[in-house]
Amino acid sequence: MEHNEMVALIRDETRPPGGIWADLGAGTGNFTWALAELLSPTATIHAIDRDGKAIAALRARQLLSQPAARVLPMQADVRQPLHLPLLDGILMANLLHFLSDQAHILQRFIAHLRPGGRLLVVEYEQSQPISFVPFPVPFARLSELSTEVGLINLRMIGSRTSPSSGRILYAASAILPGVLS
């Protein structure tokens, strides 16, 4: 997927444009950069991935082009407790389908959100496991998970065909109850 498609997929869900965000499972930062383009220069994004090579690539990418928002790459396994400040938003692009205990770990993630904080998810509209989507999270499953962990206002905000697999990717947004941001 091209950078401009990633930006378009999440564009309307990054308001207000400041704050503190985390991109969990950031990889080399493709969606991190899309998010950074949409946030203000006062925003901070904690870009977290367990793959040291991906984090090194993300840092190298930072040297070549500074994103609008401040990006803080961090090597960590999201399945372990994370040391993060209170967040205004969390982005998870193609992460949940690698986690078997999705409700439990999603609950841990949203514990980092401020009331009114936003969760953005990009996943495959895939119901059967395949090699690169071992624990599928089609939108119906995300709806169940959101209800289970106490998120509200879940809605699909867009979809695209993945150029690498030909499968449909969707983006969805939900809010942690409280003062809406």
Protein backbone atom coordinates (compact mmCIF):
# COMPACT_ATOMS: atom_id res chain seq x y z
CA MET A 1 0.00 0.00 0.00
CA GLU A 2 1.29 3.44 -0.89
CA HIS A 3 1.97 6.05 1.79
CA ASN A 4 -0.89 8.29 0.63
CA GLU A 5 -3.31 5.33 0.89
CA MET A 6 -2.20 4.69 4.47
CA VAL A 7 -2.71 8.36 5.31
CA ALA A 8 -6.18 8.34 3.71
CA LEU A 9 -7.14 5.17 5.57
CA ILE A 10 -6.65 6.76 9.01
CA ARG A 11 -7.00 10.50 8.24
CA ASP A 12 -10.28 11.38 9.93
CA GLU A 13 -9.51 9.51 13.13
CA THR A 14 -6.51 11.52 14.28
CA ARG A 15 -8.42 14.55 15.57
CA PRO A 16 -7.44 16.51 17.52
CA PRO A 17 -4.04 16.31 15.83
CA GLY A 18 -1.80 16.55 18.90
CA GLY A 19 -1.18 14.40 21.89
CA ILE A 20 0.71 11.25 22.69
CA TRP A 21 0.20 8.14 20.58
CA ALA A 22 1.66 4.65 20.34
CA ASP A 23 2.05 2.62 17.17
CA LEU A 24 2.14 -0.94 18.49
CA GLY A 25 3.81 -3.42 16.16
CA ALA A 26 5.22 -0.50 14.17
CA GLY A 27 7.62 -2.56 12.08
CA THR A 28 9.73 -0.26 9.90
CA GLY A 29 7.25 2.57 10.43
CA ASN A 30 5.01 2.69 7.37
CA PHE A 31 1.88 3.49 9.35
CA THR A 32 3.95 5.43 11.90
CA TRP A 33 4.86 7.87 9.14
CA ALA A 34 1.26 8.06 7.95
CA LEU A 35 0.14 8.87 11.50
CA ALA A 36 2.99 11.37 11.96
CA GLU A 37 1.90 13.22 8.82
CA LEU A 38 -1.58 13.67 10.31
CA LEU A 39 -0.52 14.75 13.79
CA SER A 40 0.89 18.14 14.74
CA PRO A 41 4.58 18.82 15.39
CA THR A 42 3.77 18.89 19.11
CA ALA A 43 2.55 15.27 19.01
CA THR A 44 4.64 12.28 20.04
CA ILE A 45 4.40 8.74 18.67
CA HIS A 46 5.99 5.84 20.54
CA ALA A 47 6.78 3.42 17.68
CA ILE A 48 7.14 -0.02 19.26
CA ASP A 49 8.21 -3.29 17.70
CA ARG A 50 10.05 -6.35 19.01
CA ASP A 51 12.14 -6.72 15.85
CA GLY A 52 15.45 -4.93 16.38
CA LYS A 53 16.11 -4.76 12.64
CA ALA A 54 12.74 -3.09 12.05
CA ILE A 55 13.44 -0.53 14.78
CA ALA A 56 16.90 0.11 13.29
CA ALA A 57 15.27 0.67 9.89
CA LEU A 58 12.76 3.03 11.49
CA ARG A 59 15.59 5.01 13.11
CA ALA A 60 17.47 5.15 9.80
CA ARG A 61 14.31 6.36 8.10
CA GLN A 62 14.08 9.14 10.70
CA LEU A 63 17.53 10.36 9.69
CA LEU A 64 16.43 10.65 6.06
CA SER A 65 13.13 12.42 6.62
CA GLN A 66 11.85 13.84 9.86
CA PRO A 67 8.11 13.31 10.21
CA ALA A 68 5.89 16.16 11.38
CA ALA A 69 5.29 14.57 14.78
CA ARG A 70 8.07 13.42 17.09
CA VAL A 71 8.68 9.67 16.69
CA LEU A 72 10.30 7.68 19.49
CA PRO A 73 11.32 4.21 18.25
CA MET A 74 11.43 1.54 20.95
CA GLN A 75 12.30 -2.13 20.74
CA ALA A 76 9.90 -4.05 22.98
CA ASP A 77 7.62 -7.05 22.79
CA VAL A 78 4.02 -5.83 22.96
CA ARG A 79 3.03 -9.13 24.58
CA GLN A 80 4.98 -8.01 27.65
CA PRO A 81 4.04 -5.07 29.92
CA LEU A 82 4.87 -1.77 28.24
CA HIS A 83 6.12 1.32 30.01
CA LEU A 84 4.21 4.11 28.32
CA PRO A 85 2.72 7.40 29.41
CA LEU A 86 -1.04 7.90 29.29
CA LEU A 87 -1.95 7.94 25.59
CA ASP A 88 -4.40 9.92 23.49
CA GLY A 89 -4.37 7.24 20.82
CA ILE A 90 -3.11 3.81 19.87
CA LEU A 91 -2.55 2.59 16.33
CA MET A 92 -2.26 -1.12 15.63
CA ALA A 93 -1.74 -1.91 11.96
CA ASN A 94 -1.55 -5.63 11.19
CA LEU A 95 -0.75 -6.58 14.77
CA LEU A 96 -3.79 -8.23 16.35
CA HIS A 97 -3.78 -11.13 13.88
CA PHE A 98 -0.42 -12.25 15.32
CA LEU A 99 -1.74 -12.42 18.90
CA SER A 100 -3.65 -15.46 20.12
CA ASP A 101 -5.00 -13.93 23.35
CA GLN A 102 -6.50 -10.89 21.67
CA ALA A 103 -9.02 -9.80 24.32
CA HIS A 104 -6.50 -9.99 27.15
CA ILE A 105 -3.77 -8.12 25.32
CA LEU A 106 -6.20 -5.55 23.92
CA GLN A 107 -7.34 -4.88 27.50
CA ARG A 108 -3.70 -4.31 28.49
CA PHE A 109 -3.19 -1.94 25.56
CA ILE A 110 -6.24 0.20 26.25
CA ALA A 111 -5.22 0.50 29.90
CA HIS A 112 -2.70 3.02 28.50
CA LEU A 113 -5.46 5.17 26.93
CA ARG A 114 -6.88 8.31 28.49
CA PRO A 115 -10.67 8.39 28.82
CA GLY A 116 -11.89 9.47 25.40
CA GLY A 117 -8.71 8.10 23.81
CA ARG A 118 -8.90 6.50 20.40
CA LEU A 119 -7.90 3.05 19.19
CA LEU A 120 -7.17 2.71 15.46
CA VAL A 121 -6.90 -0.79 14.04
CA VAL A 122 -5.87 -1.86 10.54
CA GLU A 123 -6.54 -5.54 9.88
CA TYR A 124 -7.43 -8.03 7.16
CA GLU A 125 -11.09 -8.80 6.52
CA GLN A 126 -10.08 -12.44 6.75
CA SER A 127 -11.92 -15.11 8.70
CA GLN A 128 -9.78 -18.19 8.06
CA PRO A 129 -6.18 -18.45 9.32
CA ILE A 130 -3.43 -18.33 6.71
CA SER A 131 0.34 -18.22 7.09
CA PHE A 132 0.62 -14.44 7.49
CA VAL A 133 -2.68 -14.05 9.40
CA PRO A 134 -2.60 -16.84 12.02
CA PHE A 135 -5.35 -15.38 14.26
CA PRO A 136 -7.70 -13.47 11.95
CA VAL A 137 -9.59 -10.38 13.12
CA PRO A 138 -12.31 -9.64 10.60
CA PHE A 139 -14.42 -6.61 11.50
CA ALA A 140 -17.09 -8.79 13.15
CA ARG A 141 -14.44 -10.23 15.49
CA LEU A 142 -13.09 -6.74 16.25
CA SER A 143 -16.62 -5.71 17.15
CA GLU A 144 -16.83 -8.58 19.66
CA LEU A 145 -13.43 -7.72 21.10
CA SER A 146 -14.30 -4.03 21.41
CA THR A 147 -17.46 -4.82 23.35
CA GLU A 148 -15.61 -7.31 25.55
CA VAL A 149 -12.91 -4.80 26.55
CA GLY A 150 -15.28 -1.86 26.98
CA LEU A 151 -14.58 0.26 23.91
CA ILE A 152 -17.41 2.26 22.35
CA ASN A 153 -18.32 3.77 18.99
CA LEU A 154 -16.50 1.15 16.93
CA ARG A 155 -16.81 1.94 13.25
CA MET A 156 -15.14 0.95 10.06
CA ILE A 157 -13.45 4.01 8.61
CA GLY A 158 -12.11 2.62 5.37
CA SER A 159 -10.83 -0.32 3.38
CA ARG A 160 -8.26 -1.01 0.69
CA THR A 161 -7.01 -4.00 -1.24
CA SER A 162 -3.54 -5.01 -0.11
CA PRO A 163 -1.22 -4.88 -3.12
CA SER A 164 1.01 -7.61 -1.68
CA SER A 165 -1.72 -10.18 -1.00
CA GLY A 166 -4.80 -9.00 -2.90
CA ARG A 167 -6.77 -9.30 0.35
CA ILE A 168 -9.02 -6.60 1.80
CA LEU A 169 -7.59 -4.49 4.62
CA TYR A 170 -9.94 -2.43 6.75
CA ALA A 171 -9.34 0.39 9.21
CA ALA A 172 -11.56 0.80 12.26
CA SER A 173 -11.77 3.23 15.13
CA ALA A 174 -13.12 2.89 18.68
CA ILE A 175 -13.06 5.09 21.76
CA LEU A 176 -12.39 4.42 25.41
CA PRO A 177 -15.42 5.80 27.26
CA GLY A 178 -14.94 9.11 29.01
CA VAL A 179 -14.44 12.68 27.85
CA LEU A 180 -14.36 12.45 24.08
CA SER A 181 -11.32 13.96 22.44
